């Protein structure tokens, strides 16, 4: 995998995609984007939607922070945090991909499944990098 995707490319791509997801989830909260295309189309109330979307924004922000640490854009002496965090992200995005595949809405299947596959692959590329 190291031959196909450089560490820097994986880190920057992760940051871009995660940043776009934060913006997307904010747009869902602001009702610019319909709630029917998120969470498998299974949310039933506005309160439930806001709770889930805030959770998504927080989780994506944590993933951005972990990626910044792993890429050494934010230096940290304790390398175990980004190392473990990247493996957490691999598992998170892998499960998210499965969830997107089984989503009710076709939009979520077609738009988000490829994005979470990319996040899984980029996070895996970052996770396998040896700590320097």
C-alpha atoms as a PDB file:
ATOM      1  CA  UNK A   1       0.000   0.000   0.000  1.00  0.00           C
ATOM      2  CA  UNK A   2       2.953   2.310   0.684  1.00  0.00           C
ATOM      3  CA  UNK A   3       3.849   2.156  -3.014  1.00  0.00           C
ATOM      4  CA  UNK A   4       0.405   3.282  -4.159  1.00  0.00           C
ATOM      5  CA  UNK A   5      -0.449   6.041  -1.689  1.00  0.00           C
ATOM      6  CA  UNK A   6       2.158   8.287  -0.115  1.00  0.00           C
ATOM      7  CA  UNK A   7       1.871   9.112   3.565  1.00  0.00           C
ATOM      8  CA  UNK A   8       1.457  12.820   2.842  1.00  0.00           C
ATOM      9  CA  UNK A   9      -1.227  12.210   0.200  1.00  0.00           C
ATOM     10  CA  UNK A  10      -3.172   9.949   2.583  1.00  0.00           C
ATOM     11  CA  UNK A  11      -2.931  12.496   5.401  1.00  0.00           C
ATOM     12  CA  UNK A  12      -3.997  15.434   3.251  1.00  0.00           C
ATOM     13  CA  UNK A  13      -6.810  13.481   1.587  1.00  0.00           C
ATOM     14  CA  UNK A  14      -8.094  12.381   5.003  1.00  0.00           C
ATOM     15  CA  UNK A  15      -8.085  15.977   6.216  1.00  0.00           C
ATOM     16  CA  UNK A  16      -9.943  17.222   3.140  1.00  0.00           C
ATOM     17  CA  UNK A  17     -12.614  14.495   3.215  1.00  0.00           C
ATOM     18  CA  UNK A  18     -13.105  14.786   6.979  1.00  0.00           C
ATOM     19  CA  UNK A  19     -13.356  18.571   6.703  1.00  0.00           C
ATOM     20  CA  UNK A  20     -15.977  18.222   3.978  1.00  0.00           C
ATOM     21  CA  UNK A  21     -17.930  15.811   6.174  1.00  0.00           C
ATOM     22  CA  UNK A  22     -17.900  18.331   9.047  1.00  0.00           C
ATOM     23  CA  UNK A  23     -19.313  20.962   6.687  1.00  0.00           C
ATOM     24  CA  UNK A  24     -21.874  18.497   5.345  1.00  0.00           C
ATOM     25  CA  UNK A  25     -23.106  17.549   8.832  1.00  0.00           C
ATOM     26  CA  UNK A  26     -23.358  21.237   9.764  1.00  0.00           C
ATOM     27  CA  UNK A  27     -25.487  21.801   6.648  1.00  0.00           C
ATOM     28  CA  UNK A  28     -27.774  18.957   7.728  1.00  0.00           C
ATOM     29  CA  UNK A  29     -28.246  20.609  11.143  1.00  0.00           C
ATOM     30  CA  UNK A  30     -28.960  23.926   9.427  1.00  0.00           C
ATOM     31  CA  UNK A  31     -31.540  22.113   7.247  1.00  0.00           C
ATOM     32  CA  UNK A  32     -29.754  23.071   4.038  1.00  0.00           C
ATOM     33  CA  UNK A  33     -29.336  19.353   3.309  1.00  0.00           C
ATOM     34  CA  UNK A  34     -32.314  17.009   3.824  1.00  0.00           C
ATOM     35  CA  UNK A  35     -32.200  14.740   6.856  1.00  0.00           C
ATOM     36  CA  UNK A  36     -33.509  11.838   4.789  1.00  0.00           C
ATOM     37  CA  UNK A  37     -30.078  11.248   3.229  1.00  0.00           C
ATOM     38  CA  UNK A  38     -28.210  10.665   6.496  1.00  0.00           C
ATOM     39  CA  UNK A  39     -28.174   7.935   9.124  1.00  0.00           C
ATOM     40  CA  UNK A  40     -29.626   5.413   6.741  1.00  0.00           C
ATOM     41  CA  UNK A  41     -32.801   7.472   6.455  1.00  0.00           C
ATOM     42  CA  UNK A  42     -33.855   6.096   9.836  1.00  0.00           C
ATOM     43  CA  UNK A  43     -34.046   9.217  12.041  1.00  0.00           C
ATOM     44  CA  UNK A  44     -37.559  10.209  13.028  1.00  0.00           C
ATOM     45  CA  UNK A  45     -37.303  13.538  14.867  1.00  0.00           C
ATOM     46  CA  UNK A  46     -35.408  16.823  14.695  1.00  0.00           C
ATOM     47  CA  UNK A  47     -33.972  16.275  18.204  1.00  0.00           C
ATOM     48  CA  UNK A  48     -32.668  12.862  17.206  1.00  0.00           C
ATOM     49  CA  UNK A  49     -31.169  14.361  14.052  1.00  0.00           C
ATOM     50  CA  UNK A  50     -29.363  17.150  15.922  1.00  0.00           C
ATOM     51  CA  UNK A  51     -27.961  14.709  18.495  1.00  0.00           C
ATOM     52  CA  UNK A  52     -26.633  12.387  15.798  1.00  0.00           C
ATOM     53  CA  UNK A  53     -25.235  15.198  13.681  1.00  0.00           C
ATOM     54  CA  UNK A  54     -23.468  16.854  16.619  1.00  0.00           C
ATOM     55  CA  UNK A  55     -21.991  13.455  17.476  1.00  0.00           C
ATOM     56  CA  UNK A  56     -20.810  13.138  13.865  1.00  0.00           C
ATOM     57  CA  UNK A  57     -19.202  16.574  13.916  1.00  0.00           C
ATOM     58  CA  UNK A  58     -17.427  15.834  17.197  1.00  0.00           C
ATOM     59  CA  UNK A  59     -16.242  12.437  15.941  1.00  0.00           C
ATOM     60  CA  UNK A  60     -15.037  13.881  12.624  1.00  0.00           C
ATOM     61  CA  UNK A  61     -13.234  16.658  14.525  1.00  0.00           C
ATOM     62  CA  UNK A  62     -11.476  14.062  16.695  1.00  0.00           C
ATOM     63  CA  UNK A  63     -10.491  12.185  13.517  1.00  0.00           C
ATOM     64  CA  UNK A  64      -9.112  15.407  12.049  1.00  0.00           C
ATOM     65  CA  UNK A  65      -7.091  15.961  15.229  1.00  0.00           C
ATOM     66  CA  UNK A  66      -5.748  12.380  15.170  1.00  0.00           C
ATOM     67  CA  UNK A  67      -4.785  12.776  11.509  1.00  0.00           C
ATOM     68  CA  UNK A  68      -3.024  16.069  12.275  1.00  0.00           C
ATOM     69  CA  UNK A  69      -1.097  14.333  15.057  1.00  0.00           C
ATOM     70  CA  UNK A  70      -0.197  11.316  12.930  1.00  0.00           C
ATOM     71  CA  UNK A  71       0.968  13.541  10.054  1.00  0.00           C
ATOM     72  CA  UNK A  72       3.001  15.526  12.597  1.00  0.00           C
ATOM     73  CA  UNK A  73       1.251  18.763  11.606  1.00  0.00           C
ATOM     74  CA  UNK A  74       0.735  19.055  15.353  1.00  0.00           C
ATOM     75  CA  UNK A  75       3.857  17.619  17.003  1.00  0.00           C
ATOM     76  CA  UNK A  76       3.323  15.291  19.944  1.00  0.00           C
ATOM     77  CA  UNK A  77       5.979  13.367  21.802  1.00  0.00           C
ATOM     78  CA  UNK A  78       3.583  10.606  22.900  1.00  0.00           C
ATOM     79  CA  UNK A  79       3.235   8.743  19.572  1.00  0.00           C
ATOM     80  CA  UNK A  80       0.897   6.055  20.953  1.00  0.00           C
ATOM     81  CA  UNK A  81      -2.113   8.406  20.759  1.00  0.00           C
ATOM     82  CA  UNK A  82      -2.064   8.939  16.979  1.00  0.00           C
ATOM     83  CA  UNK A  83      -0.954   5.339  16.387  1.00  0.00           C
ATOM     84  CA  UNK A  84      -3.912   3.851  18.276  1.00  0.00           C
ATOM     85  CA  UNK A  85      -6.218   6.594  17.027  1.00  0.00           C
ATOM     86  CA  UNK A  86      -5.501   5.748  13.384  1.00  0.00           C
ATOM     87  CA  UNK A  87      -6.390   2.083  13.945  1.00  0.00           C
ATOM     88  CA  UNK A  88      -9.598   3.240  15.650  1.00  0.00           C
ATOM     89  CA  UNK A  89     -10.349   5.291  12.529  1.00  0.00           C
ATOM     90  CA  UNK A  90      -9.735   2.310  10.241  1.00  0.00           C
ATOM     91  CA  UNK A  91     -12.293   0.261  12.189  1.00  0.00           C
ATOM     92  CA  UNK A  92     -14.734   3.181  12.465  1.00  0.00           C
ATOM     93  CA  UNK A  93     -14.725   3.891   8.730  1.00  0.00           C
ATOM     94  CA  UNK A  94     -14.876   0.212   7.853  1.00  0.00           C
ATOM     95  CA  UNK A  95     -18.033  -0.208   9.947  1.00  0.00           C
ATOM     96  CA  UNK A  96     -19.381   3.055   8.542  1.00  0.00           C
ATOM     97  CA  UNK A  97     -18.874   1.704   5.028  1.00  0.00           C
ATOM     98  CA  UNK A  98     -20.928  -1.374   5.900  1.00  0.00           C
ATOM     99  CA  UNK A  99     -23.633   0.887   7.349  1.00  0.00           C
ATOM    100  CA  UNK A 100     -23.678   2.967   4.164  1.00  0.00           C
ATOM    101  CA  UNK A 101     -24.024  -0.152   2.026  1.00  0.00           C
ATOM    102  CA  UNK A 102     -27.161  -1.088   3.989  1.00  0.00           C
ATOM    103  CA  UNK A 103     -28.604   2.445   4.032  1.00  0.00           C
ATOM    104  CA  UNK A 104     -32.189   2.886   2.932  1.00  0.00           C
ATOM    105  CA  UNK A 105     -31.444   5.770   0.583  1.00  0.00           C
ATOM    106  CA  UNK A 106     -29.730   5.224  -2.732  1.00  0.00           C
ATOM    107  CA  UNK A 107     -27.968   8.589  -2.376  1.00  0.00           C
ATOM    108  CA  UNK A 108     -26.262   7.483   0.828  1.00  0.00           C
ATOM    109  CA  UNK A 109     -25.197   4.195  -0.745  1.00  0.00           C
ATOM    110  CA  UNK A 110     -23.792   5.816  -3.869  1.00  0.00           C
ATOM    111  CA  UNK A 111     -22.300   9.004  -2.411  1.00  0.00           C
ATOM    112  CA  UNK A 112     -21.051   8.017   1.022  1.00  0.00           C
ATOM    113  CA  UNK A 113     -19.938   4.418   0.519  1.00  0.00           C
ATOM    114  CA  UNK A 114     -17.058   5.427  -1.787  1.00  0.00           C
ATOM    115  CA  UNK A 115     -16.071   8.241   0.585  1.00  0.00           C
ATOM    116  CA  UNK A 116     -15.916   5.949   3.618  1.00  0.00           C
ATOM    117  CA  UNK A 117     -13.985   3.367   1.591  1.00  0.00           C
ATOM    118  CA  UNK A 118     -11.440   6.082   0.786  1.00  0.00           C
ATOM    119  CA  UNK A 119     -11.296   7.169   4.441  1.00  0.00           C
ATOM    120  CA  UNK A 120     -10.728   3.537   5.445  1.00  0.00           C
ATOM    121  CA  UNK A 121      -7.895   3.136   2.932  1.00  0.00           C
ATOM    122  CA  UNK A 122      -6.247   6.465   3.726  1.00  0.00           C
ATOM    123  CA  UNK A 123      -6.512   5.801   7.458  1.00  0.00           C
ATOM    124  CA  UNK A 124      -5.037   2.323   6.956  1.00  0.00           C
ATOM    125  CA  UNK A 125      -2.153   3.854   5.000  1.00  0.00           C
ATOM    126  CA  UNK A 126      -1.511   6.253   7.879  1.00  0.00           C
ATOM    127  CA  UNK A 127      -1.888   3.525  10.498  1.00  0.00           C
ATOM    128  CA  UNK A 128       0.743   1.233   8.932  1.00  0.00           C
ATOM    129  CA  UNK A 129       3.357   3.990   8.827  1.00  0.00           C
ATOM    130  CA  UNK A 130       6.080   3.414  11.375  1.00  0.00           C
ATOM    131  CA  UNK A 131       6.467   6.110  13.985  1.00  0.00           C
ATOM    132  CA  UNK A 132       9.499   8.347  13.456  1.00  0.00           C
END
